């Protein structure tokens, strides 16, 4: 098991439950119904795929490394530890076999997306835990992910902004610089590394890798086109305004 949280350095088997369970909820992050449903879901998932997912929530008490023997954690196991005392709610202890399907960057993004204080404050600790587990299950069912599925609104807005900026760069580069020239394709080509990175790598890339929804893709393309059009026509608009004045 890799990426073991510091909390597991302790060993307090007295806090372990007396009956088999996939969840030890010492911090009461889940309701009784949520815990029962999640326990059944994790049992079903393990029977279906062979991957073992376990959940430990803690606050001022923890069984620590005693959970390793209790759950017989191995290279095909993931232990989600939820502890609100840190800057991020979520920590993951990940079996080595999972890194072939879910790289280390996946776990960092998963922790950042669902364990950050803003997400927990807005959605609750239960949603943080359940959404993170749902992403893991989804990716393992489809034989791995390079990034966390789904496109948060904040991340999409950032991709839209970079798309518009990429369009502005393209539009300024394509402005005609000679009387007989309508479109300066040479300059647009010269600046293609800049607007290409902004639009393709930062504008479309994160969207295409995280969702199959066509709407954010269309919006980002439209943002690029609008930015390009406004930048390209700005000399004409300025000249028209000056002549009217």
Protein backbone atom coordinates (compact mmCIF):
# COMPACT_ATOMS: atom_id res chain seq x y z
CA UNK A 1 0.00 0.00 0.00
CA UNK A 2 1.33 3.43 -0.89
CA UNK A 3 0.52 7.00 0.14
CA UNK A 4 -0.31 5.97 3.70
CA UNK A 5 -1.73 8.83 5.81
CA UNK A 6 0.15 9.82 8.94
CA UNK A 7 -2.91 8.85 10.99
CA UNK A 8 -2.21 5.19 10.27
CA UNK A 9 1.07 5.38 12.17
CA UNK A 10 -0.97 4.76 15.34
CA UNK A 11 -2.40 1.42 16.33
CA UNK A 12 -5.58 1.29 18.44
CA UNK A 13 -7.53 -1.90 17.70
CA UNK A 14 -9.99 -1.14 20.53
CA UNK A 15 -11.82 1.22 18.15
CA UNK A 16 -12.45 -1.48 15.56
CA UNK A 17 -16.05 -2.71 15.21
CA UNK A 18 -16.96 -6.17 16.41
CA UNK A 19 -18.74 -7.12 13.17
CA UNK A 20 -17.47 -7.07 9.56
CA UNK A 21 -18.06 -3.78 7.76
CA UNK A 22 -16.53 -1.75 4.95
CA UNK A 23 -16.94 1.54 6.82
CA UNK A 24 -15.68 2.78 10.19
CA UNK A 25 -17.38 6.13 10.72
CA UNK A 26 -15.86 7.50 13.93
CA UNK A 27 -16.46 11.14 12.85
CA UNK A 28 -20.16 10.50 12.07
CA UNK A 29 -19.73 11.90 8.58
CA UNK A 30 -22.43 9.62 7.17
CA UNK A 31 -26.00 9.04 8.22
CA UNK A 32 -27.06 5.53 9.22
CA UNK A 33 -28.92 5.06 5.93
CA UNK A 34 -25.97 6.34 3.90
CA UNK A 35 -23.62 4.01 5.73
CA UNK A 36 -25.85 0.99 5.17
CA UNK A 37 -26.30 1.78 1.47
CA UNK A 38 -22.60 2.46 0.95
CA UNK A 39 -21.60 -0.74 2.77
CA UNK A 40 -23.84 -2.79 0.48
CA UNK A 41 -22.55 -0.93 -2.58
CA UNK A 42 -18.90 -1.55 -1.70
CA UNK A 43 -19.63 -5.25 -1.14
CA UNK A 44 -21.32 -5.44 -4.54
CA UNK A 45 -18.48 -3.55 -6.21
CA UNK A 46 -15.84 -5.84 -4.71
CA UNK A 47 -17.74 -8.92 -5.83
CA UNK A 48 -18.12 -7.49 -9.33
CA UNK A 49 -14.61 -6.17 -9.91
CA UNK A 50 -12.32 -7.61 -7.25
CA UNK A 51 -11.24 -4.13 -6.11
CA UNK A 52 -11.54 -3.48 -2.38
CA UNK A 53 -12.72 0.00 -1.28
CA UNK A 54 -12.85 0.88 2.40
CA UNK A 55 -13.76 4.05 4.32
CA UNK A 56 -12.44 5.35 7.64
CA UNK A 57 -13.64 8.66 9.09
CA UNK A 58 -11.96 10.02 12.19
CA UNK A 59 -11.64 13.15 14.27
CA UNK A 60 -9.84 12.85 17.61
CA UNK A 61 -9.85 9.04 17.68
CA UNK A 62 -8.46 6.58 15.14
CA UNK A 63 -7.75 2.86 15.03
CA UNK A 64 -4.71 3.73 12.93
CA UNK A 65 -2.82 0.92 11.27
CA UNK A 66 -5.02 -1.67 12.98
CA UNK A 67 -7.43 -1.26 10.05
CA UNK A 68 -4.90 -2.87 7.72
CA UNK A 69 -5.30 -6.26 9.39
CA UNK A 70 -9.00 -5.74 10.10
CA UNK A 71 -9.72 -5.20 6.38
CA UNK A 72 -6.77 -7.23 5.07
CA UNK A 73 -5.72 -4.35 2.87
CA UNK A 74 -3.52 -5.37 -0.04
CA UNK A 75 -2.31 -4.17 -3.44
CA UNK A 76 -5.89 -4.22 -4.81
CA UNK A 77 -7.27 -2.04 -2.01
CA UNK A 78 -8.09 1.64 -1.56
CA UNK A 79 -8.57 3.10 1.89
CA UNK A 80 -10.30 6.49 1.96
CA UNK A 81 -9.50 8.33 5.20
CA UNK A 82 -11.68 11.37 5.96
CA UNK A 83 -10.28 13.62 8.67
CA UNK A 84 -11.59 17.22 8.94
CA UNK A 85 -8.68 18.39 11.08
CA UNK A 86 -6.38 18.93 8.11
CA UNK A 87 -6.55 21.42 5.27
CA UNK A 88 -8.08 18.74 3.06
CA UNK A 89 -10.71 16.27 4.24
CA UNK A 90 -9.61 13.33 2.13
CA UNK A 91 -6.55 11.11 2.14
CA UNK A 92 -6.06 7.89 0.20
CA UNK A 93 -3.99 4.82 0.94
CA UNK A 94 -3.67 3.18 -2.45
CA UNK A 95 -2.61 -0.36 -3.35
CA UNK A 96 0.21 -0.64 -5.86
CA UNK A 97 -1.90 -2.48 -8.46
CA UNK A 98 -4.17 0.53 -8.87
CA UNK A 99 -1.46 2.84 -10.18
CA UNK A 100 -1.51 1.03 -13.53
CA UNK A 101 -5.11 2.20 -13.98
CA UNK A 102 -5.24 5.36 -11.86
CA UNK A 103 -1.94 7.32 -11.78
CA UNK A 104 -0.76 9.40 -8.87
CA UNK A 105 -2.01 12.57 -10.57
CA UNK A 106 -5.52 11.11 -10.50
CA UNK A 107 -5.43 10.77 -6.71
CA UNK A 108 -4.07 14.28 -6.28
CA UNK A 109 -6.85 15.71 -8.46
CA UNK A 110 -9.46 13.58 -6.66
CA UNK A 111 -8.30 14.87 -3.28
CA UNK A 112 -8.18 18.46 -4.52
CA UNK A 113 -11.61 18.38 -6.13
CA UNK A 114 -13.69 16.68 -3.46
CA UNK A 115 -11.68 17.21 -0.28
CA UNK A 116 -11.06 20.95 -0.42
CA UNK A 117 -12.65 23.09 2.27
CA UNK A 118 -14.90 24.97 -0.16
CA UNK A 119 -16.44 21.77 -1.56
CA UNK A 120 -16.90 20.30 1.93
CA UNK A 121 -18.47 23.51 3.24
CA UNK A 122 -20.88 23.74 0.31
CA UNK A 123 -21.78 20.05 -0.02
CA UNK A 124 -20.94 18.36 3.28
CA UNK A 125 -18.49 15.68 4.33
CA UNK A 126 -20.86 12.94 3.18
CA UNK A 127 -20.93 14.23 -0.40
CA UNK A 128 -17.17 14.58 -0.39
CA UNK A 129 -16.76 10.93 0.56
CA UNK A 130 -19.52 9.56 -1.67
CA UNK A 131 -18.52 11.56 -4.76
CA UNK A 132 -14.87 10.56 -4.42
CA UNK A 133 -15.81 6.88 -4.13
CA UNK A 134 -18.16 7.19 -7.10
CA UNK A 135 -15.33 8.55 -9.26
CA UNK A 136 -13.05 5.68 -8.22
CA UNK A 137 -15.72 3.09 -8.99
CA UNK A 138 -16.51 4.66 -12.37
CA UNK A 139 -12.87 4.67 -13.42
CA UNK A 140 -12.16 1.13 -12.26
CA UNK A 141 -15.22 -0.15 -14.12
CA UNK A 142 -13.91 1.41 -17.34
CA UNK A 143 -10.38 0.07 -16.88
CA UNK A 144 -8.80 3.27 -15.63
CA UNK A 145 -8.73 7.06 -15.98
CA UNK A 146 -5.93 9.53 -16.45
CA UNK A 147 -8.01 12.32 -14.91
CA UNK A 148 -11.02 12.51 -12.59
CA UNK A 149 -14.31 12.26 -14.56
CA UNK A 150 -16.68 15.19 -14.56
CA UNK A 151 -16.17 18.89 -15.19
CA UNK A 152 -16.78 21.18 -12.18
CA UNK A 153 -18.32 24.54 -13.06
CA UNK A 154 -15.29 26.45 -11.76
CA UNK A 155 -12.96 24.44 -13.98
CA UNK A 156 -15.19 24.88 -17.03
CA UNK A 157 -15.29 28.66 -16.50
CA UNK A 158 -11.49 28.67 -16.49
CA UNK A 159 -11.41 26.72 -19.77
CA UNK A 160 -13.92 29.18 -21.25
CA UNK A 161 -11.75 32.14 -20.25
CA UNK A 162 -8.64 30.62 -21.81
CA UNK A 163 -10.64 29.84 -24.97
CA UNK A 164 -11.76 33.47 -25.27
CA UNK A 165 -8.22 34.74 -24.65
CA UNK A 166 -6.94 32.32 -27.29
CA UNK A 167 -9.51 33.73 -29.71
CA UNK A 168 -8.43 37.30 -28.93
CA UNK A 169 -4.80 36.42 -29.65
CA UNK A 170 -5.85 34.75 -32.91
CA UNK A 171 -7.99 37.73 -33.92
CA UNK A 172 -5.26 40.30 -33.26
CA UNK A 173 -2.69 38.19 -35.10
CA UNK A 174 -4.99 37.85 -38.12
CA UNK A 175 -5.67 41.58 -38.51
CA UNK A 176 -4.80 42.85 -41.99
CA UNK A 177 -1.61 44.93 -42.07
CA UNK A 178 -1.64 45.85 -45.77
CA UNK A 179 -4.30 47.67 -47.80
CA UNK A 180 -4.88 44.72 -50.12
CA UNK A 181 -4.84 42.12 -47.36
CA UNK A 182 -8.04 40.84 -45.76
CA UNK A 183 -6.68 38.15 -43.46
CA UNK A 184 -3.08 37.93 -42.26
CA UNK A 185 -2.86 34.17 -42.17
CA UNK A 186 0.95 34.27 -41.91
CA UNK A 187 0.77 36.14 -38.60
CA UNK A 188 -2.02 33.87 -37.38
CA UNK A 189 0.24 30.93 -38.17
CA UNK A 190 3.23 32.51 -36.41
CA UNK A 191 1.17 33.04 -33.25
CA UNK A 192 -0.45 29.59 -33.46
CA UNK A 193 1.64 28.12 -30.61
CA UNK A 194 0.23 30.76 -28.26
CA UNK A 195 -3.43 30.73 -29.24
CA UNK A 196 -3.25 26.98 -29.86
CA UNK A 197 -2.08 26.29 -26.31
CA UNK A 198 -4.70 28.61 -24.85
CA UNK A 199 -7.57 27.24 -26.91
CA UNK A 200 -6.71 23.59 -27.55
CA UNK A 201 -4.55 22.58 -24.57
CA UNK A 202 -6.20 24.72 -21.87
CA UNK A 203 -9.60 25.40 -23.44
CA UNK A 204 -10.69 22.12 -25.03
CA UNK A 205 -8.27 19.59 -23.52
CA UNK A 206 -9.61 19.56 -19.94
CA UNK A 207 -13.18 19.39 -21.23
CA UNK A 208 -12.60 16.54 -23.70
CA UNK A 209 -10.76 14.42 -21.14
CA UNK A 210 -13.34 14.85 -18.37
CA UNK A 211 -16.76 14.77 -20.00
CA UNK A 212 -18.57 13.62 -23.13
CA UNK A 213 -21.08 16.46 -22.84
CA UNK A 214 -21.03 18.50 -26.06
CA UNK A 215 -22.44 21.70 -24.54
CA UNK A 216 -19.24 23.00 -22.82
CA UNK A 217 -17.28 22.13 -25.97
CA UNK A 218 -19.65 24.18 -28.14
CA UNK A 219 -19.53 27.06 -25.66
CA UNK A 220 -15.73 27.10 -25.61
CA UNK A 221 -15.57 27.04 -29.41
CA UNK A 222 -18.11 29.87 -29.52
CA UNK A 223 -16.05 31.79 -26.94
CA UNK A 224 -12.93 31.38 -29.08
CA UNK A 225 -14.79 32.50 -32.20
CA UNK A 226 -16.32 35.52 -30.45
CA UNK A 227 -12.97 36.60 -29.00
CA UNK A 228 -11.33 36.22 -32.40
CA UNK A 229 -14.08 38.15 -34.17
CA UNK A 230 -14.04 41.06 -31.72
CA UNK A 231 -10.24 41.32 -31.83
CA UNK A 232 -10.14 41.03 -35.64
CA UNK A 233 -12.83 43.69 -36.17
CA UNK A 234 -11.57 46.10 -33.49
CA UNK A 235 -9.60 48.32 -35.96
CA UNK A 236 -12.70 48.60 -38.18
CA UNK A 237 -14.89 49.44 -35.19
CA UNK A 238 -12.40 52.03 -33.93
CA UNK A 239 -12.10 53.59 -37.39
CA UNK A 240 -15.87 53.79 -37.72
CA UNK A 241 -16.22 55.43 -34.32
CA UNK A 242 -13.49 57.94 -35.14
CA UNK A 243 -15.11 58.88 -38.45
CA UNK A 244 -18.49 59.42 -36.78
CA UNK A 245 -16.86 61.68 -34.21
